[in-house]
Amino acid sequence: MPKATPTYRGPHTTPRRPTSCARGYGRKWQQYSRQYLAVHTRCAGVLIQGERVHAASCSGAAECVDHVNAVRGADDVRFWEERNHQGLSRACNSLKRQKVDHG
């Protein structure tokens, strides 16, 4: 059987991001996140133009651990610094991602 040729994705597509494990968010991070969220249970909200705001659909409960200042992977010295982490609801994390990724 002939091999399938790779599909041409075109110039309009962006390169694919490495997997979460390749970016440092493997088992060790998942264990750390569970421990962090057990202590930090409230959503910290998103800092926009110097003011803390919550997404309209924010539940108020922290559901994921976010890096306050972006990191470039697990080898970045700030990746494991607790002062660089905050608990966010999924809605606030999505809002932050939109603001950071799309301005």
PDB file of N, CA and C in Angstrom:
ATOM      1  N   MET A   1       0.844  -1.176   0.000  1.00  0.00           N
ATOM      2  CA  MET A   1       0.000   0.000   0.000  1.00  0.00           C
ATOM      3  C   MET A   1       0.893   1.244   0.000  1.00  0.00           C
ATOM      4  N   PRO A   2       0.632   2.226  -0.867  1.00  0.00           N
ATOM      5  CA  PRO A   2       1.474   3.419  -0.931  1.00  0.00           C
ATOM      6  C   PRO A   2       1.282   4.295   0.301  1.00  0.00           C
ATOM      7  N   LYS A   3       2.361   4.998   0.644  1.00  0.00           N
ATOM      8  CA  LYS A   3       2.297   5.910   1.784  1.00  0.00           C
ATOM      9  C   LYS A   3       1.488   7.142   1.406  1.00  0.00           C
ATOM     10  N   ALA A   4       0.754   7.644   2.371  1.00  0.00           N
ATOM     11  CA  ALA A   4      -0.007   8.873   2.145  1.00  0.00           C
ATOM     12  C   ALA A   4       0.960  10.051   2.138  1.00  0.00           C
ATOM     13  N   THR A   5       0.758  10.940   1.217  1.00  0.00           N
ATOM     14  CA  THR A   5       1.604  12.129   1.170  1.00  0.00           C
ATOM     15  C   THR A   5       1.074  13.161   2.158  1.00  0.00           C
ATOM     16  N   PRO A   6       1.972  13.938   2.764  1.00  0.00           N
ATOM     17  CA  PRO A   6       1.506  14.944   3.717  1.00  0.00           C
ATOM     18  C   PRO A   6       0.589  15.953   3.023  1.00  0.00           C
ATOM     19  N   THR A   7      -0.419  16.365   3.726  1.00  0.00           N
ATOM     20  CA  THR A   7      -1.353  17.346   3.192  1.00  0.00           C
ATOM     21  C   THR A   7      -0.712  18.725   3.214  1.00  0.00           C
ATOM     22  N   TYR A   8      -0.829  19.454   2.137  1.00  0.00           N
ATOM     23  CA  TYR A   8      -0.308  20.813   2.072  1.00  0.00           C
ATOM     24  C   TYR A   8      -1.215  21.704   2.897  1.00  0.00           C
ATOM     25  N   ARG A   9      -0.633  22.387   3.874  1.00  0.00           N
ATOM     26  CA  ARG A   9      -1.418  23.231   4.777  1.00  0.00           C
ATOM     27  C   ARG A   9      -1.495  24.676   4.294  1.00  0.00           C
ATOM     28  N   GLY A  10      -0.667  25.055   3.360  1.00  0.00           N
ATOM     29  CA  GLY A  10      -0.753  26.401   2.798  1.00  0.00           C
ATOM     30  C   GLY A  10      -0.039  27.442   3.628  1.00  0.00           C
ATOM     31  N   PRO A  11       0.213  28.602   3.046  1.00  0.00           N
ATOM     32  CA  PRO A  11       0.951  29.658   3.737  1.00  0.00           C
ATOM     33  C   PRO A  11       0.119  30.387   4.792  1.00  0.00           C
ATOM     34  N   HIS A  12      -1.190  30.200   4.782  1.00  0.00           N
ATOM     35  CA  HIS A  12      -2.060  30.914   5.705  1.00  0.00           C
ATOM     36  C   HIS A  12      -2.118  30.261   7.080  1.00  0.00           C
ATOM     37  N   THR A  13      -1.559  29.081   7.232  1.00  0.00           N
ATOM     38  CA  THR A  13      -1.640  28.387   8.507  1.00  0.00           C
ATOM     39  C   THR A  13      -0.427  28.705   9.372  1.00  0.00           C
ATOM     40  N   THR A  14      -0.617  28.597  10.654  1.00  0.00           N
ATOM     41  CA  THR A  14       0.476  28.827  11.589  1.00  0.00           C
ATOM     42  C   THR A  14       1.122  27.494  11.929  1.00  0.00           C
ATOM     43  N   PRO A  15       2.391  27.502  12.300  1.00  0.00           N
ATOM     44  CA  PRO A  15       3.037  26.251  12.667  1.00  0.00           C
ATOM     45  C   PRO A  15       2.361  25.651  13.898  1.00  0.00           C
ATOM     46  N   ARG A  16       2.345  24.348  13.958  1.00  0.00           N
ATOM     47  CA  ARG A  16       1.715  23.692  15.105  1.00  0.00           C
ATOM     48  C   ARG A  16       2.573  23.853  16.342  1.00  0.00           C
ATOM     49  N   ARG A  17       1.881  24.035  17.455  1.00  0.00           N
ATOM     50  CA  ARG A  17       2.547  24.172  18.738  1.00  0.00           C
ATOM     51  C   ARG A  17       2.998  22.802  19.231  1.00  0.00           C
ATOM     52  N   PRO A  18       4.123  22.720  19.931  1.00  0.00           N
ATOM     53  CA  PRO A  18       4.523  21.436  20.513  1.00  0.00           C
ATOM     54  C   PRO A  18       3.467  20.952  21.507  1.00  0.00           C
ATOM     55  N   THR A  19       3.456  19.679  21.793  1.00  0.00           N
ATOM     56  CA  THR A  19       2.487  19.119  22.731  1.00  0.00           C
ATOM     57  C   THR A  19       2.680  19.728  24.115  1.00  0.00           C
ATOM     58  N   SER A  20       1.671  19.605  24.958  1.00  0.00           N
ATOM     59  CA  SER A  20       1.772  20.148  26.308  1.00  0.00           C
ATOM     60  C   SER A  20       2.918  19.494  27.077  1.00  0.00           C
ATOM     61  N   CYS A  21       3.100  18.201  26.909  1.00  0.00           N
ATOM     62  CA  CYS A  21       4.215  17.518  27.588  1.00  0.00           C
ATOM     63  C   CYS A  21       5.554  18.059  27.106  1.00  0.00           C
ATOM     64  N   ALA A  22       5.677  18.304  25.817  1.00  0.00           N
ATOM     65  CA  ALA A  22       6.923  18.839  25.262  1.00  0.00           C
ATOM     66  C   ALA A  22       7.191  20.252  25.778  1.00  0.00           C
ATOM     67  N   ARG A  23       6.129  20.983  26.137  1.00  0.00           N
ATOM     68  CA  ARG A  23       6.292  22.341  26.666  1.00  0.00           C
ATOM     69  C   ARG A  23       6.516  22.350  28.177  1.00  0.00           C
ATOM     70  N   GLY A  24       6.501  21.161  28.828  1.00  0.00           N
ATOM     71  CA  GLY A  24       6.786  21.079  30.261  1.00  0.00           C
ATOM     72  C   GLY A  24       5.585  20.799  31.137  1.00  0.00           C
ATOM     73  N   TYR A  25       4.413  20.625  30.556  1.00  0.00           N
ATOM     74  CA  TYR A  25       3.200  20.432  31.338  1.00  0.00           C
ATOM     75  C   TYR A  25       2.812  18.955  31.419  1.00  0.00           C
ATOM     76  N   GLY A  26       3.756  18.139  31.829  1.00  0.00           N
ATOM     77  CA  GLY A  26       3.524  16.707  31.954  1.00  0.00           C
ATOM     78  C   GLY A  26       3.010  16.332  33.334  1.00  0.00           C
ATOM     79  N   ARG A  27       3.340  15.123  33.747  1.00  0.00           N
ATOM     80  CA  ARG A  27       2.843  14.570  35.007  1.00  0.00           C
ATOM     81  C   ARG A  27       3.272  15.396  36.215  1.00  0.00           C
ATOM     82  N   LYS A  28       4.538  15.830  36.227  1.00  0.00           N
ATOM     83  CA  LYS A  28       5.035  16.615  37.362  1.00  0.00           C
ATOM     84  C   LYS A  28       4.241  17.913  37.513  1.00  0.00           C
ATOM     85  N   TRP A  29       3.950  18.588  36.397  1.00  0.00           N
ATOM     86  CA  TRP A  29       3.164  19.830  36.443  1.00  0.00           C
ATOM     87  C   TRP A  29       1.742  19.549  36.904  1.00  0.00           C
ATOM     88  N   GLN A  30       1.146  18.470  36.448  1.00  0.00           N
ATOM     89  CA  GLN A  30      -0.220  18.126  36.843  1.00  0.00           C
ATOM     90  C   GLN A  30      -0.309  17.877  38.349  1.00  0.00           C
ATOM     91  N   GLN A  31       0.684  17.192  38.904  1.00  0.00           N
ATOM     92  CA  GLN A  31       0.719  16.963  40.353  1.00  0.00           C
ATOM     93  C   GLN A  31       0.873  18.291  41.090  1.00  0.00           C
ATOM     94  N   TYR A  32       1.782  19.125  40.611  1.00  0.00           N
ATOM     95  CA  TYR A  32       1.993  20.435  41.225  1.00  0.00           C
ATOM     96  C   TYR A  32       0.709  21.264  41.166  1.00  0.00           C
ATOM     97  N   SER A  33       0.024  21.258  40.029  1.00  0.00           N
ATOM     98  CA  SER A  33      -1.200  22.038  39.857  1.00  0.00           C
ATOM     99  C   SER A  33      -2.267  21.633  40.860  1.00  0.00           C
ATOM    100  N   ARG A  34      -2.437  20.330  41.047  1.00  0.00           N
ATOM    101  CA  ARG A  34      -3.434  19.852  42.021  1.00  0.00           C
ATOM    102  C   ARG A  34      -3.107  20.365  43.423  1.00  0.00           C
ATOM    103  N   GLN A  35      -1.827  20.308  43.799  1.00  0.00           N
ATOM    104  CA  GLN A  35      -1.415  20.788  45.125  1.00  0.00           C
ATOM    105  C   GLN A  35      -1.613  22.297  45.246  1.00  0.00           C
ATOM    106  N   TYR A  36      -1.248  23.035  44.207  1.00  0.00           N
ATOM    107  CA  TYR A  36      -1.379  24.492  44.223  1.00  0.00           C
ATOM    108  C   TYR A  36      -2.848  24.896  44.342  1.00  0.00           C
ATOM    109  N   LEU A  37      -3.717  24.259  43.571  1.00  0.00           N
ATOM    110  CA  LEU A  37      -5.138  24.611  43.582  1.00  0.00           C
ATOM    111  C   LEU A  37      -5.840  24.187  44.866  1.00  0.00           C
ATOM    112  N   ALA A  38      -5.286  23.221  45.572  1.00  0.00           N
ATOM    113  CA  ALA A  38      -5.852  22.830  46.863  1.00  0.00           C
ATOM    114  C   ALA A  38      -5.670  23.951  47.886  1.00  0.00           C
ATOM    115  N   VAL A  39      -4.629  24.742  47.728  1.00  0.00           N
ATOM    116  CA  VAL A  39      -4.345  25.853  48.642  1.00  0.00           C
ATOM    117  C   VAL A  39      -4.933  27.163  48.115  1.00  0.00           C
ATOM    118  N   HIS A  40      -4.770  27.423  46.821  1.00  0.00           N
ATOM    119  CA  HIS A  40      -5.229  28.670  46.193  1.00  0.00           C
ATOM    120  C   HIS A  40      -6.544  28.369  45.466  1.00  0.00           C
ATOM    121  N   THR A  41      -7.650  28.489  46.174  1.00  0.00           N
ATOM    122  CA  THR A  41      -8.937  28.035  45.646  1.00  0.00           C
ATOM    123  C   THR A  41      -9.725  29.105  44.899  1.00  0.00           C
ATOM    124  N   ARG A  42      -9.377  30.364  45.056  1.00  0.00           N
ATOM    125  CA  ARG A  42     -10.129  31.453  44.424  1.00  0.00           C
ATOM    126  C   ARG A  42      -9.429  31.951  43.170  1.00  0.00           C
ATOM    127  N   CYS A  43     -10.228  32.326  42.167  1.00  0.00           N
ATOM    128  CA  CYS A  43      -9.693  32.876  40.922  1.00  0.00           C
ATOM    129  C   CYS A  43      -9.070  34.242  41.200  1.00  0.00           C
ATOM    130  N   ALA A  44      -7.859  34.429  40.714  1.00  0.00           N
ATOM    131  CA  ALA A  44      -7.147  35.692  40.925  1.00  0.00           C
ATOM    132  C   ALA A  44      -7.603  36.772  39.950  1.00  0.00           C
ATOM    133  N   GLY A  45      -8.307  36.394  38.905  1.00  0.00           N
ATOM    134  CA  GLY A  45      -8.712  37.372  37.897  1.00  0.00           C
ATOM    135  C   GLY A  45      -7.554  37.717  36.984  1.00  0.00           C
ATOM    136  N   VAL A  46      -7.828  38.489  35.978  1.00  0.00           N
ATOM    137  CA  VAL A  46      -6.834  38.830  34.967  1.00  0.00           C
ATOM    138  C   VAL A  46      -6.475  40.302  35.099  1.00  0.00           C
ATOM    139  N   LEU A  47      -5.187  40.596  35.023  1.00  0.00           N
ATOM    140  CA  LEU A  47      -4.733  41.978  35.109  1.00  0.00           C
ATOM    141  C   LEU A  47      -4.788  42.591  33.717  1.00  0.00           C
ATOM    142  N   ILE A  48      -5.697  43.539  33.517  1.00  0.00           N
ATOM    143  CA  ILE A  48      -5.845  44.218  32.236  1.00  0.00           C
ATOM    144  C   ILE A  48      -5.717  45.719  32.493  1.00  0.00           C
ATOM    145  N   GLN A  49      -4.728  46.321  31.860  1.00  0.00           N
ATOM    146  CA  GLN A  49      -4.446  47.746  32.000  1.00  0.00           C
ATOM    147  C   GLN A  49      -4.354  48.155  33.465  1.00  0.00           C
ATOM    148  N   GLY A  50      -3.640  47.327  34.246  1.00  0.00           N
ATOM    149  CA  GLY A  50      -3.406  47.645  35.646  1.00  0.00           C
ATOM    150  C   GLY A  50      -4.558  47.355  36.587  1.00  0.00           C
ATOM    151  N   GLU A  51      -5.636  46.771  36.109  1.00  0.00           N
ATOM    152  CA  GLU A  51      -6.801  46.511  36.943  1.00  0.00           C
ATOM    153  C   GLU A  51      -7.189  45.040  36.868  1.00  0.00           C
ATOM    154  N   ARG A  52      -7.517  44.456  38.015  1.00  0.00           N
ATOM    155  CA  ARG A  52      -7.941  43.053  38.056  1.00  0.00           C
ATOM    156  C   ARG A  52      -9.407  42.960  37.639  1.00  0.00           C
ATOM    157  N   VAL A  53      -9.665  42.137  36.641  1.00  0.00           N
ATOM    158  CA  VAL A  53     -11.030  41.916  36.186  1.00  0.00           C
ATOM    159  C   VAL A  53     -11.271  40.419  36.055  1.00  0.00           C
ATOM    160  N   HIS A  54     -12.532  40.044  36.083  1.00  0.00           N
ATOM    161  CA  HIS A  54     -12.925  38.657  35.884  1.00  0.00           C
ATOM    162  C   HIS A  54     -13.763  38.569  34.615  1.00  0.00           C
ATOM    163  N   ALA A  55     -13.643  37.446  33.936  1.00  0.00           N
ATOM    164  CA  ALA A  55     -14.476  37.212  32.753  1.00  0.00           C
ATOM    165  C   ALA A  55     -15.927  37.171  33.188  1.00  0.00           C
ATOM    166  N   ALA A  56     -16.828  37.514  32.291  1.00  0.00           N
ATOM    167  CA  ALA A  56     -18.257  37.542  32.612  1.00  0.00           C
ATOM    168  C   ALA A  56     -18.741  36.192  33.125  1.00  0.00           C
ATOM    169  N   SER A  57     -18.176  35.111  32.624  1.00  0.00           N
ATOM    170  CA  SER A  57     -18.632  33.780  33.038  1.00  0.00           C
ATOM    171  C   SER A  57     -17.713  33.155  34.081  1.00  0.00           C
ATOM    172  N   CYS A  58     -16.935  33.974  34.791  1.00  0.00           N
ATOM    173  CA  CYS A  58     -16.011  33.460  35.809  1.00  0.00           C
ATOM    174  C   CYS A  58     -16.799  32.832  36.952  1.00  0.00           C
ATOM    175  N   SER A  59     -16.396  31.622  37.327  1.00  0.00           N
ATOM    176  CA  SER A  59     -17.076  30.911  38.413  1.00  0.00           C
ATOM    177  C   SER A  59     -16.581  31.372  39.780  1.00  0.00           C
ATOM    178  N   GLY A  60     -15.445  32.049  39.823  1.00  0.00           N
ATOM    179  CA  GLY A  60     -14.873  32.481  41.092  1.00  0.00           C
ATOM    180  C   GLY A  60     -13.932  31.456  41.698  1.00  0.00           C
ATOM    181  N   ALA A  61     -13.986  30.226  41.213  1.00  0.00           N
ATOM    182  CA  ALA A  61     -13.113  29.172  41.716  1.00  0.00           C
ATOM    183  C   ALA A  61     -11.916  29.006  40.779  1.00  0.00           C
ATOM    184  N   ALA A  62     -10.736  28.844  41.367  1.00  0.00           N
ATOM    185  CA  ALA A  62      -9.539  28.602  40.562  1.00  0.00           C
ATOM    186  C   ALA A  62      -9.600  27.172  40.030  1.00  0.00           C
ATOM    187  N   GLU A  63      -9.452  27.038  38.712  1.00  0.00           N
ATOM    188  CA  GLU A  63      -9.531  25.725  38.079  1.00  0.00           C
ATOM    189  C   GLU A  63      -8.241  25.348  37.362  1.00  0.00           C
ATOM    190  N   CYS A  64      -7.362  26.326  37.126  1.00  0.00           N
ATOM    191  CA  CYS A  64      -6.090  26.036  36.460  1.00  0.00           C
ATOM    192  C   CYS A  64      -5.024  26.992  36.984  1.00  0.00           C
ATOM    193  N   VAL A  65      -3.784  26.542  36.890  1.00  0.00           N
ATOM    194  CA  VAL A  65      -2.649  27.348  37.336  1.00  0.00           C
ATOM    195  C   VAL A  65      -2.068  28.051  36.114  1.00  0.00           C
ATOM    196  N   ASP A  66      -1.902  29.353  36.241  1.00  0.00           N
ATOM    197  CA  ASP A  66      -1.422  30.178  35.141  1.00  0.00           C
ATOM    198  C   ASP A  66      -0.090  30.796  35.520  1.00  0.00           C
ATOM    199  N   HIS A  67       0.789  30.969  34.548  1.00  0.00           N
ATOM    200  CA  HIS A  67       2.031  31.713  34.759  1.00  0.00           C
ATOM    201  C   HIS A  67       1.718  33.194  34.585  1.00  0.00           C
ATOM    202  N   VAL A  68       1.973  33.980  35.611  1.00  0.00           N
ATOM    203  CA  VAL A  68       1.726  35.415  35.566  1.00  0.00           C
ATOM    204  C   VAL A  68       2.556  36.033  34.443  1.00  0.00           C
ATOM    205  N   ASN A  69       3.844  35.745  34.445  1.00  0.00           N
ATOM    206  CA  ASN A  69       4.742  36.181  33.375  1.00  0.00           C
ATOM    207  C   ASN A  69       5.035  34.966  32.512  1.00  0.00           C
ATOM    208  N   ALA A  70       4.879  35.127  31.220  1.00  0.00           N
ATOM    209  CA  ALA A  70       5.033  34.005  30.294  1.00  0.00           C
ATOM    210  C   ALA A  70       6.404  33.346  30.428  1.00  0.00           C
ATOM    211  N   VAL A  71       6.407  32.033  30.232  1.00  0.00           N
ATOM    212  CA  VAL A  71       7.642  31.251  30.263  1.00  0.00           C
ATOM    213  C   VAL A  71       7.813  30.547  28.931  1.00  0.00           C
ATOM    214  N   ARG A  72       9.037  30.123  28.650  1.00  0.00           N
ATOM    215  CA  ARG A  72       9.337  29.484  27.374  1.00  0.00           C
ATOM    216  C   ARG A  72       9.478  27.973  27.490  1.00  0.00           C
ATOM    217  N   GLY A  73       9.012  27.397  28.569  1.00  0.00           N
ATOM    218  CA  GLY A  73       9.093  25.952  28.748  1.00  0.00           C
ATOM    219  C   GLY A  73       9.654  25.607  30.108  1.00  0.00           C
ATOM    220  N   ALA A  74       9.732  24.317  30.388  1.00  0.00           N
ATOM    221  CA  ALA A  74      10.152  23.848  31.706  1.00  0.00           C
ATOM    222  C   ALA A  74      11.589  24.213  32.037  1.00  0.00           C
ATOM    223  N   ASP A  75      12.412  24.522  31.045  1.00  0.00           N
ATOM    224  CA  ASP A  75      13.796  24.900  31.319  1.00  0.00           C
ATOM    225  C   ASP A  75      13.938  26.382  31.678  1.00  0.00           C
ATOM    226  N   ASP A  76      12.870  27.151  31.555  1.00  0.00           N
ATOM    227  CA  ASP A  76      12.861  28.559  31.958  1.00  0.00           C
ATOM    228  C   ASP A  76      12.912  28.613  33.491  1.00  0.00           C
ATOM    229  N   VAL A  77      13.770  29.478  34.060  1.00  0.00           N
ATOM    230  CA  VAL A  77      13.933  29.536  35.515  1.00  0.00           C
ATOM    231  C   VAL A  77      12.643  29.955  36.231  1.00  0.00           C
ATOM    232  N   ARG A  78      11.755  30.673  35.552  1.00  0.00           N
ATOM    233  CA  ARG A  78      10.498  31.124  36.171  1.00  0.00           C
ATOM    234  C   ARG A  78       9.392  30.075  36.117  1.00  0.00           C
ATOM    235  N   PHE A  79       9.617  28.958  35.418  1.00  0.00           N
ATOM    236  CA  PHE A  79       8.565  27.954  35.234  1.00  0.00           C
ATOM    237  C   PHE A  79       8.051  27.427  36.572  1.00  0.00           C
ATOM    238  N   TRP A  80       8.947  27.121  37.508  1.00  0.00           N
ATOM    239  CA  TRP A  80       8.542  26.525  38.778  1.00  0.00           C
ATOM    240  C   TRP A  80       8.473  27.523  39.936  1.00  0.00           C
ATOM    241  N   GLU A  81       8.702  28.807  39.696  1.00  0.00           N
ATOM    242  CA  GLU A  81       8.628  29.794  40.777  1.00  0.00           C
ATOM    243  C   GLU A  81       7.173  30.015  41.177  1.00  0.00           C
ATOM    244  N   GLU A  82       6.858  29.741  42.427  1.00  0.00           N
ATOM    245  CA  GLU A  82       5.471  29.864  42.882  1.00  0.00           C
ATOM    246  C   GLU A  82       4.962  31.300  42.786  1.00  0.00           C
ATOM    247  N   ARG A  83       5.843  32.279  42.965  1.00  0.00           N
ATOM    248  CA  ARG A  83       5.387  33.676  42.872  1.00  0.00           C
ATOM    249  C   ARG A  83       4.999  34.060  41.439  1.00  0.00           C
ATOM    250  N   ASN A  84       5.334  33.216  40.477  1.00  0.00           N
ATOM    251  CA  ASN A  84       4.958  33.446  39.078  1.00  0.00           C
ATOM    252  C   ASN A  84       3.687  32.682  38.710  1.00  0.00           C
ATOM    253  N   HIS A  85       2.995  32.123  39.702  1.00  0.00           N
ATOM    254  CA  HIS A  85       1.782  31.349  39.442  1.00  0.00           C
ATOM    255  C   HIS A  85       0.572  32.042  40.050  1.00  0.00           C
ATOM    256  N   GLN A  86      -0.569  31.812  39.430  1.00  0.00           N
ATOM    257  CA  GLN A  86      -1.837  32.286  39.972  1.00  0.00           C
ATOM    258  C   GLN A  86      -2.916  31.307  39.565  1.00  0.00           C
ATOM    259  N   GLY A  87      -3.915  31.177  40.409  1.00  0.00           N
ATOM    260  CA  GLY A  87      -5.054  30.325  40.091  1.00  0.00           C
ATOM    261  C   GLY A  87      -6.087  31.126  39.328  1.00  0.00           C
ATOM    262  N   LEU A  88      -6.551  30.587  38.217  1.00  0.00           N
ATOM    263  CA  LEU A  88      -7.577  31.255  37.409  1.00  0.00           C
ATOM    264  C   LEU A  88      -8.715  30.290  37.114  1.00  0.00           C
ATOM    265  N   SER A  89      -9.906  30.849  36.931  1.00  0.00           N
ATOM    266  CA  SER A  89     -11.016  30.046  36.417  1.00  0.00           C
ATOM    267  C   SER A  89     -10.739  29.786  34.939  1.00  0.00           C
ATOM    268  N   ARG A  90     -11.415  28.835  34.363  1.00  0.00           N
ATOM    269  CA  ARG A  90     -11.211  28.549  32.936  1.00  0.00           C
ATOM    270  C   ARG A  90     -11.591  29.763  32.083  1.00  0.00           C
ATOM    271  N   ALA A  91     -12.645  30.469  32.482  1.00  0.00           N
ATOM    272  CA  ALA A  91     -13.091  31.636  31.717  1.00  0.00           C
ATOM    273  C   ALA A  91     -12.040  32.753  31.760  1.00  0.00           C
ATOM    274  N   CYS A  92     -11.480  33.010  32.937  1.00  0.00           N
ATOM    275  CA  CYS A  92     -10.452  34.056  33.054  1.00  0.00           C
ATOM    276  C   CYS A  92      -9.172  33.647  32.340  1.00  0.00           C
ATOM    277  N   ASN A  93      -8.839  32.360  32.386  1.00  0.00           N
ATOM    278  CA  ASN A  93      -7.655  31.897  31.673  1.00  0.00           C
ATOM    279  C   ASN A  93      -7.842  32.080  30.169  1.00  0.00           C
ATOM    280  N   SER A  94      -9.027  31.792  29.662  1.00  0.00           N
ATOM    281  CA  SER A  94      -9.307  31.997  28.239  1.00  0.00           C
ATOM    282  C   SER A  94      -9.230  33.468  27.878  1.00  0.00           C
ATOM    283  N   LEU A  95      -9.767  34.328  28.746  1.00  0.00           N
ATOM    284  CA  LEU A  95      -9.715  35.772  28.511  1.00  0.00           C
ATOM    285  C   LEU A  95      -8.260  36.240  28.458  1.00  0.00           C
ATOM    286  N   LYS A  96      -7.432  35.752  29.388  1.00  0.00           N
ATOM    287  CA  LYS A  96      -6.024  36.144  29.383  1.00  0.00           C
ATOM    288  C   LYS A  96      -5.352  35.665  28.091  1.00  0.00           C
ATOM    289  N   ARG A  97      -5.600  34.441  27.689  1.00  0.00           N
ATOM    290  CA  ARG A  97      -4.996  33.895  26.472  1.00  0.00           C
ATOM    291  C   ARG A  97      -5.388  34.753  25.257  1.00  0.00           C
ATOM    292  N   GLN A  98      -6.639  35.176  25.184  1.00  0.00           N
ATOM    293  CA  GLN A  98      -7.086  36.020  24.076  1.00  0.00           C
ATOM    294  C   GLN A  98      -6.332  37.339  24.081  1.00  0.00           C
ATOM    295  N   LYS A  99      -6.212  37.952  25.253  1.00  0.00           N
ATOM    296  CA  LYS A  99      -5.535  39.246  25.363  1.00  0.00           C
ATOM    297  C   LYS A  99      -4.054  39.129  25.028  1.00  0.00           C
ATOM    298  N   VAL A 100      -3.409  38.075  25.497  1.00  0.00           N
ATOM    299  CA  VAL A 100      -1.976  37.893  25.274  1.00  0.00           C
ATOM    300  C   VAL A 100      -1.698  37.475  23.836  1.00  0.00           C
ATOM    301  N   ASP A 101      -2.458  36.501  23.327  1.00  0.00           N
ATOM    302  CA  ASP A 101      -2.192  35.962  21.986  1.00  0.00           C
ATOM    303  C   ASP A 101      -2.647  36.884  20.865  1.00  0.00           C
ATOM    304  N   HIS A 102      -3.722  37.632  21.096  1.00  0.00           N
ATOM    305  CA  HIS A 102      -4.293  38.429  20.010  1.00  0.00           C
ATOM    306  C   HIS A 102      -4.292  39.929  20.289  1.00  0.00           C
ATOM    307  N   GLY A 103      -3.652  40.320  21.380  1.00  0.00           N
ATOM    308  CA  GLY A 103      -3.553  41.757  21.686  1.00  0.00           C
ATOM    309  C   GLY A 103      -4.828  42.236  22.226  1.00  0.00           C
TER     310      GLY A 103
END
